[in-house]
PDB file of N, CA and C in Angstrom:
ATOM      1  N   UNK A   1     -35.953 -60.186  -7.601  1.00  0.00           N
ATOM      2  CA  UNK A   1     -36.872 -61.159  -6.988  1.00  0.00           C
ATOM      3  C   UNK A   1     -36.939 -60.769  -5.508  1.00  0.00           C
ATOM      4  N   UNK A   2     -35.828 -60.390  -4.849  1.00  0.00           N
ATOM      5  CA  UNK A   2     -35.766 -60.244  -3.342  1.00  0.00           C
ATOM      6  C   UNK A   2     -36.409 -58.837  -3.065  1.00  0.00           C
ATOM      7  N   UNK A   3     -36.377 -57.968  -3.946  1.00  0.00           N
ATOM      8  CA  UNK A   3     -36.992 -56.628  -3.722  1.00  0.00           C
ATOM      9  C   UNK A   3     -38.724 -56.919  -3.749  1.00  0.00           C
ATOM     10  N   UNK A   4     -39.117 -57.742  -4.613  1.00  0.00           N
ATOM     11  CA  UNK A   4     -40.610 -58.014  -4.458  1.00  0.00           C
ATOM     12  C   UNK A   4     -40.913 -58.900  -3.291  1.00  0.00           C
ATOM     13  N   UNK A   5     -40.071 -59.626  -2.862  1.00  0.00           N
ATOM     14  CA  UNK A   5     -40.361 -60.259  -1.589  1.00  0.00           C
ATOM     15  C   UNK A   5     -40.383 -59.432  -0.436  1.00  0.00           C
ATOM     16  N   UNK A   6     -39.480 -58.400  -0.527  1.00  0.00           N
ATOM     17  CA  UNK A   6     -39.456 -57.533   0.665  1.00  0.00           C
ATOM     18  C   UNK A   6     -40.637 -56.534   0.690  1.00  0.00           C
ATOM     19  N   UNK A   7     -41.100 -56.223  -0.568  1.00  0.00           N
ATOM     20  CA  UNK A   7     -42.323 -55.383  -0.664  1.00  0.00           C
ATOM     21  C   UNK A   7     -43.474 -56.195  -0.125  1.00  0.00           C
ATOM     22  N   UNK A   8     -43.554 -57.420  -0.475  1.00  0.00           N
ATOM     23  CA  UNK A   8     -44.642 -58.338  -0.059  1.00  0.00           C
ATOM     24  C   UNK A   8     -44.717 -58.536   1.394  1.00  0.00           C
ATOM     25  N   UNK A   9     -43.429 -58.652   1.947  1.00  0.00           N
ATOM     26  CA  UNK A   9     -43.429 -58.800   3.492  1.00  0.00           C
ATOM     27  C   UNK A   9     -43.872 -57.554   4.196  1.00  0.00           C
ATOM     28  N   UNK A  10     -43.569 -56.280   3.672  1.00  0.00           N
ATOM     29  CA  UNK A  10     -43.885 -55.061   4.249  1.00  0.00           C
ATOM     30  C   UNK A  10     -45.495 -54.967   4.153  1.00  0.00           C
ATOM     31  N   UNK A  11     -46.045 -55.440   3.141  1.00  0.00           N
ATOM     32  CA  UNK A  11     -47.520 -55.307   2.921  1.00  0.00           C
ATOM     33  C   UNK A  11     -48.187 -56.208   3.972  1.00  0.00           C
ATOM     34  N   UNK A  12     -47.652 -57.548   4.081  1.00  0.00           N
ATOM     35  CA  UNK A  12     -48.224 -58.441   4.849  1.00  0.00           C
ATOM     36  C   UNK A  12     -48.100 -58.065   6.359  1.00  0.00           C
ATOM     37  N   UNK A  13     -46.983 -57.613   6.681  1.00  0.00           N
ATOM     38  CA  UNK A  13     -46.782 -57.090   8.062  1.00  0.00           C
ATOM     39  C   UNK A  13     -47.594 -56.055   8.474  1.00  0.00           C
ATOM     40  N   UNK A  14     -47.838 -55.002   7.555  1.00  0.00           N
ATOM     41  CA  UNK A  14     -48.582 -53.899   7.794  1.00  0.00           C
ATOM     42  C   UNK A  14     -50.011 -54.169   7.945  1.00  0.00           C
ATOM     43  N   UNK A  15     -50.605 -55.262   7.237  1.00  0.00           N
ATOM     44  CA  UNK A  15     -51.873 -55.614   7.473  1.00  0.00           C
ATOM     45  C   UNK A  15     -52.099 -56.404   8.605  1.00  0.00           C
ATOM     46  N   UNK A  16     -51.197 -57.225   9.159  1.00  0.00           N
ATOM     47  CA  UNK A  16     -51.324 -58.021  10.214  1.00  0.00           C
ATOM     48  C   UNK A  16     -51.184 -57.167  11.586  1.00  0.00           C
ATOM     49  N   UNK A  17     -50.432 -56.222  11.521  1.00  0.00           N
ATOM     50  CA  UNK A  17     -50.252 -55.349  12.738  1.00  0.00           C
ATOM     51  C   UNK A  17     -51.312 -54.317  13.065  1.00  0.00           C
ATOM     52  N   UNK A  18     -52.240 -54.093  12.075  1.00  0.00           N
ATOM     53  CA  UNK A  18     -53.215 -53.161  12.263  1.00  0.00           C
ATOM     54  C   UNK A  18     -54.585 -53.705  12.929  1.00  0.00           C
ATOM     55  N   UNK A  19     -55.176 -52.857  13.713  1.00  0.00           N
ATOM     56  CA  UNK A  19     -56.500 -53.205  14.188  1.00  0.00           C
ATOM     57  C   UNK A  19     -57.465 -52.105  13.566  1.00  0.00           C
ATOM     58  N   UNK A  20     -58.738 -52.664  13.271  1.00  0.00           N
ATOM     59  CA  UNK A  20     -59.627 -51.667  12.850  1.00  0.00           C
ATOM     60  C   UNK A  20     -60.464 -51.069  14.178  1.00  0.00           C
ATOM     61  N   UNK A  21     -60.134 -49.693  14.340  1.00  0.00           N
ATOM     62  CA  UNK A  21     -60.460 -49.157  15.645  1.00  0.00           C
ATOM     63  C   UNK A  21     -61.990 -49.032  15.633  1.00  0.00           C
ATOM     64  N   UNK A  22     -62.709 -48.800  14.700  1.00  0.00           N
ATOM     65  CA  UNK A  22     -64.104 -48.757  14.777  1.00  0.00           C
ATOM     66  C   UNK A  22     -64.763 -50.186  15.155  1.00  0.00           C
ATOM     67  N   UNK A  23     -64.234 -51.151  14.457  1.00  0.00           N
ATOM     68  CA  UNK A  23     -64.756 -52.602  14.851  1.00  0.00           C
ATOM     69  C   UNK A  23     -64.448 -52.903  16.249  1.00  0.00           C
ATOM     70  N   UNK A  24     -63.196 -52.568  16.584  1.00  0.00           N
ATOM     71  CA  UNK A  24     -62.770 -52.763  18.063  1.00  0.00           C
ATOM     72  C   UNK A  24     -63.617 -52.068  19.089  1.00  0.00           C
ATOM     73  N   UNK A  25     -64.003 -50.747  18.751  1.00  0.00           N
ATOM     74  CA  UNK A  25     -64.732 -50.018  19.633  1.00  0.00           C
ATOM     75  C   UNK A  25     -66.269 -50.696  19.596  1.00  0.00           C
ATOM     76  N   UNK A  26     -66.715 -51.089  18.490  1.00  0.00           N
ATOM     77  CA  UNK A  26     -68.132 -51.598  18.596  1.00  0.00           C
ATOM     78  C   UNK A  26     -68.188 -52.902  19.245  1.00  0.00           C
ATOM     79  N   UNK A  27     -67.247 -53.685  19.166  1.00  0.00           N
ATOM     80  CA  UNK A  27     -67.190 -55.026  19.944  1.00  0.00           C
ATOM     81  C   UNK A  27     -67.153 -54.730  21.516  1.00  0.00           C
ATOM     82  N   UNK A  28     -66.114 -53.939  21.723  1.00  0.00           N
ATOM     83  CA  UNK A  28     -66.074 -53.541  23.174  1.00  0.00           C
ATOM     84  C   UNK A  28     -67.159 -52.927  23.780  1.00  0.00           C
ATOM     85  N   UNK A  29     -67.896 -52.031  23.078  1.00  0.00           N
ATOM     86  CA  UNK A  29     -69.041 -51.370  23.524  1.00  0.00           C
ATOM     87  C   UNK A  29     -70.151 -52.312  23.700  1.00  0.00           C
ATOM     88  N   UNK A  30     -70.339 -53.239  22.708  1.00  0.00           N
ATOM     89  CA  UNK A  30     -71.400 -54.285  22.803  1.00  0.00           C
ATOM     90  C   UNK A  30     -71.152 -55.096  23.927  1.00  0.00           C
ATOM     91  N   UNK A  31     -70.021 -55.643  24.305  1.00  0.00           N
ATOM     92  CA  UNK A  31     -69.836 -56.411  25.324  1.00  0.00           C
ATOM     93  C   UNK A  31     -69.983 -55.760  26.612  1.00  0.00           C
ATOM     94  N   UNK A  32     -69.527 -54.424  26.883  1.00  0.00           N
ATOM     95  CA  UNK A  32     -69.676 -53.696  27.956  1.00  0.00           C
ATOM     96  C   UNK A  32     -71.239 -53.491  28.184  1.00  0.00           C
ATOM     97  N   UNK A  33     -71.962 -53.004  27.204  1.00  0.00           N
ATOM     98  CA  UNK A  33     -73.261 -52.875  27.318  1.00  0.00           C
ATOM     99  C   UNK A  33     -74.139 -54.233  27.648  1.00  0.00           C
ATOM    100  N   UNK A  34     -73.720 -55.194  27.177  1.00  0.00           N
ATOM    101  CA  UNK A  34     -74.401 -56.544  27.410  1.00  0.00           C
ATOM    102  C   UNK A  34     -74.267 -56.869  28.791  1.00  0.00           C
ATOM    103  N   UNK A  35     -73.036 -56.615  29.355  1.00  0.00           N
ATOM    104  CA  UNK A  35     -72.591 -57.072  30.762  1.00  0.00           C
ATOM    105  C   UNK A  35     -73.672 -56.222  31.877  1.00  0.00           C
ATOM    106  N   UNK A  36     -73.773 -54.981  31.426  1.00  0.00           N
ATOM    107  CA  UNK A  36     -74.553 -54.162  32.341  1.00  0.00           C
ATOM    108  C   UNK A  36     -76.181 -54.514  32.209  1.00  0.00           C
ATOM    109  N   UNK A  37     -76.493 -54.708  30.982  1.00  0.00           N
ATOM    110  CA  UNK A  37     -77.829 -55.156  30.821  1.00  0.00           C
ATOM    111  C   UNK A  37     -78.127 -56.594  31.459  1.00  0.00           C
ATOM    112  N   UNK A  38     -77.357 -57.596  31.249  1.00  0.00           N
ATOM    113  CA  UNK A  38     -77.548 -58.790  31.846  1.00  0.00           C
ATOM    114  C   UNK A  38     -77.526 -58.835  33.298  1.00  0.00           C
ATOM    115  N   UNK A  39     -76.538 -58.106  33.973  1.00  0.00           N
ATOM    116  CA  UNK A  39     -76.315 -57.985  35.352  1.00  0.00           C
ATOM    117  C   UNK A  39     -77.570 -57.314  35.995  1.00  0.00           C
ATOM    118  N   UNK A  40     -77.995 -56.256  35.301  1.00  0.00           N
ATOM    119  CA  UNK A  40     -79.142 -55.568  35.870  1.00  0.00           C
ATOM    120  C   UNK A  40     -80.476 -56.470  35.789  1.00  0.00           C
ATOM    121  N   UNK A  41     -80.623 -57.041  34.711  1.00  0.00           N
ATOM    122  CA  UNK A  41     -81.811 -57.789  34.516  1.00  0.00           C
ATOM    123  C   UNK A  41     -81.750 -59.031  35.369  1.00  0.00           C
ATOM    124  N   UNK A  42     -80.616 -59.644  35.669  1.00  0.00           N
ATOM    125  CA  UNK A  42     -80.441 -60.712  36.523  1.00  0.00           C
ATOM    126  C   UNK A  42     -80.924 -60.377  37.958  1.00  0.00           C
ATOM    127  N   UNK A  43     -80.436 -59.236  38.345  1.00  0.00           N
ATOM    128  CA  UNK A  43     -80.946 -58.775  39.775  1.00  0.00           C
ATOM    129  C   UNK A  43     -82.366 -58.455  39.745  1.00  0.00           C
ATOM    130  N   UNK A  44     -82.938 -57.902  38.729  1.00  0.00           N
ATOM    131  CA  UNK A  44     -84.409 -57.547  38.727  1.00  0.00           C
ATOM    132  C   UNK A  44     -85.091 -58.862  38.718  1.00  0.00           C
ATOM    133  N   UNK A  45     -84.834 -59.834  38.021  1.00  0.00           N
ATOM    134  CA  UNK A  45     -85.441 -61.069  38.043  1.00  0.00           C
ATOM    135  C   UNK A  45     -85.306 -61.898  39.322  1.00  0.00           C
ATOM    136  N   UNK A  46     -84.055 -61.750  39.921  1.00  0.00           N
ATOM    137  CA  UNK A  46     -83.945 -62.345  41.234  1.00  0.00           C
ATOM    138  C   UNK A  46     -84.781 -61.920  42.347  1.00  0.00           C
ATOM    139  N   UNK A  47     -84.958 -60.397  42.236  1.00  0.00           N
ATOM    140  CA  UNK A  47     -85.866 -59.829  43.268  1.00  0.00           C
ATOM    141  C   UNK A  47     -85.283 -59.621  44.617  1.00  0.00           C
ATOM    142  N   UNK A  48     -86.229 -59.484  45.554  1.00  0.00           N
ATOM    143  CA  UNK A  48     -85.769 -59.395  46.886  1.00  0.00           C
ATOM    144  C   UNK A  48     -86.199 -57.936  47.478  1.00  0.00           C
ATOM    145  N   UNK A  49     -85.962 -57.789  48.784  1.00  0.00           N
ATOM    146  CA  UNK A  49     -86.347 -56.617  49.402  1.00  0.00           C
ATOM    147  C   UNK A  49     -85.542 -55.406  48.964  1.00  0.00           C
ATOM    148  N   UNK A  50     -84.215 -55.674  48.934  1.00  0.00           N
ATOM    149  CA  UNK A  50     -83.255 -54.571  48.459  1.00  0.00           C
ATOM    150  C   UNK A  50     -82.620 -55.223  47.249  1.00  0.00           C
ATOM    151  N   UNK A  51     -82.916 -54.565  45.937  1.00  0.00           N
ATOM    152  CA  UNK A  51     -82.398 -55.047  44.838  1.00  0.00           C
ATOM    153  C   UNK A  51     -81.189 -54.457  44.305  1.00  0.00           C
ATOM    154  N   UNK A  52     -80.030 -55.121  44.316  1.00  0.00           N
ATOM    155  CA  UNK A  52     -78.779 -54.562  43.672  1.00  0.00           C
ATOM    156  C   UNK A  52     -78.270 -53.267  44.303  1.00  0.00           C
ATOM    157  N   UNK A  53     -77.951 -53.187  45.670  1.00  0.00           N
ATOM    158  CA  UNK A  53     -77.355 -52.051  46.156  1.00  0.00           C
ATOM    159  C   UNK A  53     -76.080 -51.634  45.576  1.00  0.00           C
ATOM    160  N   UNK A  54     -75.227 -52.661  45.130  1.00  0.00           N
ATOM    161  CA  UNK A  54     -73.908 -52.218  44.589  1.00  0.00           C
ATOM    162  C   UNK A  54     -74.000 -51.806  43.213  1.00  0.00           C
ATOM    163  N   UNK A  55     -74.874 -52.467  42.444  1.00  0.00           N
ATOM    164  CA  UNK A  55     -74.993 -52.199  41.057  1.00  0.00           C
ATOM    165  C   UNK A  55     -75.691 -50.744  40.902  1.00  0.00           C
ATOM    166  N   UNK A  56     -76.475 -50.455  41.884  1.00  0.00           N
ATOM    167  CA  UNK A  56     -77.253 -49.328  41.763  1.00  0.00           C
ATOM    168  C   UNK A  56     -76.276 -47.936  41.867  1.00  0.00           C
ATOM    169  N   UNK A  57     -75.051 -48.282  42.286  1.00  0.00           N
ATOM    170  CA  UNK A  57     -74.064 -47.042  42.422  1.00  0.00           C
ATOM    171  C   UNK A  57     -73.649 -46.623  41.104  1.00  0.00           C
ATOM    172  N   UNK A  58     -73.986 -47.492  40.018  1.00  0.00           N
ATOM    173  CA  UNK A  58     -73.674 -46.973  38.614  1.00  0.00           C
ATOM    174  C   UNK A  58     -74.562 -45.603  38.297  1.00  0.00           C
ATOM    175  N   UNK A  59     -75.584 -45.539  39.031  1.00  0.00           N
ATOM    176  CA  UNK A  59     -76.407 -44.241  38.753  1.00  0.00           C
ATOM    177  C   UNK A  59     -75.634 -43.090  39.118  1.00  0.00           C
ATOM    178  N   UNK A  60     -74.675 -43.150  39.932  1.00  0.00           N
ATOM    179  CA  UNK A  60     -73.667 -42.027  40.166  1.00  0.00           C
ATOM    180  C   UNK A  60     -72.858 -41.497  38.897  1.00  0.00           C
ATOM    181  N   UNK A  61     -72.740 -42.487  38.036  1.00  0.00           N
ATOM    182  CA  UNK A  61     -71.936 -42.149  36.796  1.00  0.00           C
ATOM    183  C   UNK A  61     -72.951 -42.086  35.557  1.00  0.00           C
ATOM    184  N   UNK A  62     -73.807 -42.998  35.511  1.00  0.00           N
ATOM    185  CA  UNK A  62     -74.755 -42.975  34.381  1.00  0.00           C
ATOM    186  C   UNK A  62     -76.078 -42.395  34.828  1.00  0.00           C
ATOM    187  N   UNK A  63     -76.287 -41.189  34.466  1.00  0.00           N
ATOM    188  CA  UNK A  63     -77.532 -40.303  34.814  1.00  0.00           C
ATOM    189  C   UNK A  63     -78.757 -41.164  34.223  1.00  0.00           C
ATOM    190  N   UNK A  64     -79.652 -41.474  35.156  1.00  0.00           N
ATOM    191  CA  UNK A  64     -80.838 -42.052  34.871  1.00  0.00           C
ATOM    192  C   UNK A  64     -80.912 -43.523  35.054  1.00  0.00           C
ATOM    193  N   UNK A  65     -79.712 -44.063  35.371  1.00  0.00           N
ATOM    194  CA  UNK A  65     -79.570 -45.496  35.594  1.00  0.00           C
ATOM    195  C   UNK A  65     -80.184 -46.001  36.833  1.00  0.00           C
ATOM    196  N   UNK A  66     -81.073 -46.949  36.971  1.00  0.00           N
ATOM    197  CA  UNK A  66     -81.630 -47.644  38.128  1.00  0.00           C
ATOM    198  C   UNK A  66     -81.551 -49.104  37.890  1.00  0.00           C
ATOM    199  N   UNK A  67     -81.627 -49.837  39.000  1.00  0.00           N
ATOM    200  CA  UNK A  67     -81.737 -51.346  38.812  1.00  0.00           C
ATOM    201  C   UNK A  67     -83.118 -51.786  38.443  1.00  0.00           C
ATOM    202  N   UNK A  68     -83.716 -51.433  37.184  1.00  0.00           N
ATOM    203  CA  UNK A  68     -84.970 -51.907  36.738  1.00  0.00           C
ATOM    204  C   UNK A  68     -84.756 -52.171  35.301  1.00  0.00           C
ATOM    205  N   UNK A  69     -85.939 -52.692  34.654  1.00  0.00           N
ATOM    206  CA  UNK A  69     -85.677 -53.088  33.219  1.00  0.00           C
ATOM    207  C   UNK A  69     -85.359 -51.879  32.385  1.00  0.00           C
ATOM    208  N   UNK A  70     -86.046 -50.626  32.557  1.00  0.00           N
ATOM    209  CA  UNK A  70     -85.821 -49.429  31.993  1.00  0.00           C
ATOM    210  C   UNK A  70     -84.372 -49.032  32.105  1.00  0.00           C
ATOM    211  N   UNK A  71     -83.833 -49.172  33.501  1.00  0.00           N
ATOM    212  CA  UNK A  71     -82.575 -48.748  33.815  1.00  0.00           C
ATOM    213  C   UNK A  71     -81.445 -49.670  33.147  1.00  0.00           C
ATOM    214  N   UNK A  72     -81.875 -50.903  32.830  1.00  0.00           N
ATOM    215  CA  UNK A  72     -80.974 -51.685  32.140  1.00  0.00           C
ATOM    216  C   UNK A  72     -80.814 -51.308  30.592  1.00  0.00           C
ATOM    217  N   UNK A  73     -81.743 -50.795  30.097  1.00  0.00           N
ATOM    218  CA  UNK A  73     -81.588 -50.220  28.623  1.00  0.00           C
ATOM    219  C   UNK A  73     -80.845 -48.911  28.775  1.00  0.00           C
ATOM    220  N   UNK A  74     -81.041 -48.101  29.769  1.00  0.00           N
ATOM    221  CA  UNK A  74     -80.244 -46.861  29.869  1.00  0.00           C
ATOM    222  C   UNK A  74     -78.839 -47.220  30.160  1.00  0.00           C
ATOM    223  N   UNK A  75     -78.477 -48.279  30.979  1.00  0.00           N
ATOM    224  CA  UNK A  75     -77.230 -48.660  31.328  1.00  0.00           C
ATOM    225  C   UNK A  75     -76.479 -49.331  30.118  1.00  0.00           C
ATOM    226  N   UNK A  76     -77.254 -49.999  29.280  1.00  0.00           N
ATOM    227  CA  UNK A  76     -76.703 -50.632  28.030  1.00  0.00           C
ATOM    228  C   UNK A  76     -76.210 -49.468  27.245  1.00  0.00           C
ATOM    229  N   UNK A  77     -77.070 -48.394  27.042  1.00  0.00           N
ATOM    230  CA  UNK A  77     -76.709 -47.327  26.151  1.00  0.00           C
ATOM    231  C   UNK A  77     -75.246 -46.600  26.752  1.00  0.00           C
ATOM    232  N   UNK A  78     -75.265 -46.309  27.921  1.00  0.00           N
ATOM    233  CA  UNK A  78     -74.043 -45.764  28.657  1.00  0.00           C
ATOM    234  C   UNK A  78     -72.725 -46.593  28.443  1.00  0.00           C
ATOM    235  N   UNK A  79     -72.990 -47.837  28.709  1.00  0.00           N
ATOM    236  CA  UNK A  79     -71.828 -48.752  28.755  1.00  0.00           C
ATOM    237  C   UNK A  79     -71.334 -48.905  27.318  1.00  0.00           C
ATOM    238  N   UNK A  80     -72.343 -48.974  26.306  1.00  0.00           N
ATOM    239  CA  UNK A  80     -71.808 -49.054  25.012  1.00  0.00           C
ATOM    240  C   UNK A  80     -71.116 -47.873  24.547  1.00  0.00           C
ATOM    241  N   UNK A  81     -71.441 -46.734  24.899  1.00  0.00           N
ATOM    242  CA  UNK A  81     -70.637 -45.507  24.552  1.00  0.00           C
ATOM    243  C   UNK A  81     -69.265 -45.460  25.302  1.00  0.00           C
ATOM    244  N   UNK A  82     -69.236 -45.728  26.581  1.00  0.00           N
ATOM    245  CA  UNK A  82     -67.941 -45.915  27.241  1.00  0.00           C
ATOM    246  C   UNK A  82     -67.127 -46.900  26.602  1.00  0.00           C
ATOM    247  N   UNK A  83     -67.667 -48.094  26.490  1.00  0.00           N
ATOM    248  CA  UNK A  83     -66.928 -49.294  25.808  1.00  0.00           C
ATOM    249  C   UNK A  83     -66.390 -48.841  24.423  1.00  0.00           C
ATOM    250  N   UNK A  84     -67.146 -48.351  23.654  1.00  0.00           N
ATOM    251  CA  UNK A  84     -66.738 -47.999  22.257  1.00  0.00           C
ATOM    252  C   UNK A  84     -65.643 -47.035  22.276  1.00  0.00           C
ATOM    253  N   UNK A  85     -65.713 -45.992  23.244  1.00  0.00           N
ATOM    254  CA  UNK A  85     -64.711 -44.988  23.187  1.00  0.00           C
ATOM    255  C   UNK A  85     -63.377 -45.710  23.626  1.00  0.00           C
ATOM    256  N   UNK A  86     -63.482 -46.401  24.744  1.00  0.00           N
ATOM    257  CA  UNK A  86     -62.424 -47.090  25.334  1.00  0.00           C
ATOM    258  C   UNK A  86     -61.639 -48.102  24.180  1.00  0.00           C
ATOM    259  N   UNK A  87     -62.522 -48.899  23.568  1.00  0.00           N
ATOM    260  CA  UNK A  87     -62.022 -49.695  22.609  1.00  0.00           C
ATOM    261  C   UNK A  87     -61.383 -49.037  21.455  1.00  0.00           C
ATOM    262  N   UNK A  88     -62.042 -48.147  21.017  1.00  0.00           N
ATOM    263  CA  UNK A  88     -61.509 -47.224  19.826  1.00  0.00           C
ATOM    264  C   UNK A  88     -60.159 -46.684  20.141  1.00  0.00           C
ATOM    265  N   UNK A  89     -59.933 -46.047  21.333  1.00  0.00           N
ATOM    266  CA  UNK A  89     -58.668 -45.404  21.633  1.00  0.00           C
ATOM    267  C   UNK A  89     -57.495 -46.439  21.984  1.00  0.00           C
ATOM    268  N   UNK A  90     -57.964 -47.668  22.578  1.00  0.00           N
ATOM    269  CA  UNK A  90     -56.889 -48.698  22.752  1.00  0.00           C
ATOM    270  C   UNK A  90     -56.503 -49.076  21.280  1.00  0.00           C
ATOM    271  N   UNK A  91     -57.301 -49.352  20.289  1.00  0.00           N
ATOM    272  CA  UNK A  91     -57.012 -49.756  18.929  1.00  0.00           C
ATOM    273  C   UNK A  91     -56.213 -48.697  18.403  1.00  0.00           C
ATOM    274  N   UNK A  92     -56.529 -47.459  18.444  1.00  0.00           N
ATOM    275  CA  UNK A  92     -55.760 -46.384  17.816  1.00  0.00           C
ATOM    276  C   UNK A  92     -54.339 -46.336  18.487  1.00  0.00           C
ATOM    277  N   UNK A  93     -54.153 -46.388  19.784  1.00  0.00           N
ATOM    278  CA  UNK A  93     -52.943 -46.477  20.407  1.00  0.00           C
ATOM    279  C   UNK A  93     -52.085 -47.644  19.882  1.00  0.00           C
ATOM    280  N   UNK A  94     -52.701 -48.809  19.816  1.00  0.00           N
ATOM    281  CA  UNK A  94     -52.046 -50.061  19.323  1.00  0.00           C
ATOM    282  C   UNK A  94     -51.528 -49.806  18.019  1.00  0.00           C
ATOM    283  N   UNK A  95     -52.292 -49.236  17.022  1.00  0.00           N
ATOM    284  CA  UNK A  95     -51.945 -48.905  15.635  1.00  0.00           C
ATOM    285  C   UNK A  95     -50.604 -48.043  15.664  1.00  0.00           C
ATOM    286  N   UNK A  96     -50.862 -46.991  16.560  1.00  0.00           N
ATOM    287  CA  UNK A  96     -49.719 -45.986  16.659  1.00  0.00           C
ATOM    288  C   UNK A  96     -48.424 -46.516  17.123  1.00  0.00           C
ATOM    289  N   UNK A  97     -48.430 -47.477  18.066  1.00  0.00           N
ATOM    290  CA  UNK A  97     -47.239 -48.112  18.580  1.00  0.00           C
ATOM    291  C   UNK A  97     -46.730 -49.054  17.541  1.00  0.00           C
ATOM    292  N   UNK A  98     -47.548 -49.722  16.860  1.00  0.00           N
ATOM    293  CA  UNK A  98     -47.270 -50.751  15.731  1.00  0.00           C
ATOM    294  C   UNK A  98     -46.575 -49.966  14.607  1.00  0.00           C
ATOM    295  N   UNK A  99     -47.177 -48.771  14.273  1.00  0.00           N
ATOM    296  CA  UNK A  99     -46.509 -47.960  13.293  1.00  0.00           C
ATOM    297  C   UNK A  99     -45.121 -47.442  13.689  1.00  0.00           C
ATOM    298  N   UNK A 100     -44.924 -47.157  14.830  1.00  0.00           N
ATOM    299  CA  UNK A 100     -43.605 -46.850  15.331  1.00  0.00           C
ATOM    300  C   UNK A 100     -42.594 -47.922  15.178  1.00  0.00           C
ATOM    301  N   UNK A 101     -43.028 -49.201  15.696  1.00  0.00           N
ATOM    302  CA  UNK A 101     -42.336 -50.227  15.721  1.00  0.00           C
ATOM    303  C   UNK A 101     -41.885 -50.658  14.099  1.00  0.00           C
ATOM    304  N   UNK A 102     -42.887 -50.451  13.294  1.00  0.00           N
ATOM    305  CA  UNK A 102     -42.680 -51.027  11.859  1.00  0.00           C
ATOM    306  C   UNK A 102     -41.652 -50.092  11.099  1.00  0.00           C
ATOM    307  N   UNK A 103     -41.879 -48.684  11.458  1.00  0.00           N
ATOM    308  CA  UNK A 103     -40.942 -47.792  10.938  1.00  0.00           C
ATOM    309  C   UNK A 103     -39.532 -47.984  11.408  1.00  0.00           C
ATOM    310  N   UNK A 104     -39.293 -48.419  12.548  1.00  0.00           N
ATOM    311  CA  UNK A 104     -37.974 -48.765  12.940  1.00  0.00           C
ATOM    312  C   UNK A 104     -37.383 -50.038  12.379  1.00  0.00           C
ATOM    313  N   UNK A 105     -38.388 -51.011  12.233  1.00  0.00           N
ATOM    314  CA  UNK A 105     -37.909 -52.268  11.648  1.00  0.00           C
ATOM    315  C   UNK A 105     -37.372 -52.137  10.194  1.00  0.00           C
ATOM    316  N   UNK A 106     -38.133 -51.348   9.466  1.00  0.00           N
ATOM    317  CA  UNK A 106     -37.774 -51.284   8.053  1.00  0.00           C
ATOM    318  C   UNK A 106     -36.955 -50.050   7.686  1.00  0.00           C
ATOM    319  N   UNK A 107     -36.604 -49.234   8.617  1.00  0.00           N
ATOM    320  CA  UNK A 107     -35.623 -48.155   8.429  1.00  0.00           C
ATOM    321  C   UNK A 107     -36.381 -47.010   7.796  1.00  0.00           C
ATOM    322  N   UNK A 108     -37.600 -46.823   7.968  1.00  0.00           N
ATOM    323  CA  UNK A 108     -38.379 -45.722   7.274  1.00  0.00           C
ATOM    324  C   UNK A 108     -38.226 -44.430   8.054  1.00  0.00           C
ATOM    325  N   UNK A 109     -37.882 -44.470   9.322  1.00  0.00           N
ATOM    326  CA  UNK A 109     -37.854 -43.299  10.189  1.00  0.00           C
ATOM    327  C   UNK A 109     -36.457 -42.902  10.181  1.00  0.00           C
TER     328      UNK A 109
END
């Protein structure tokens, strides 16, 4: 009976410790893209003589980005890709460290 309980505990802990890297990347990318999209359109709607001089510096990293509506779409795409890659690799690293920790806990290593 205790062997079955230990196996069940291993399965439960393995499932609880893991992150889905693709979902994590998608969520992080979507949030990053929406932040750039909303910030750009907020400044476009706000208007003024000089629109978003600090946000326009993203054009140095995101080729084609400007503080316009079309630029907000381009910025969304770039920020989504950057956020996806960042979220994906953070989740992969988390899973790798969790695997190392799990191996030491159960004596598999």
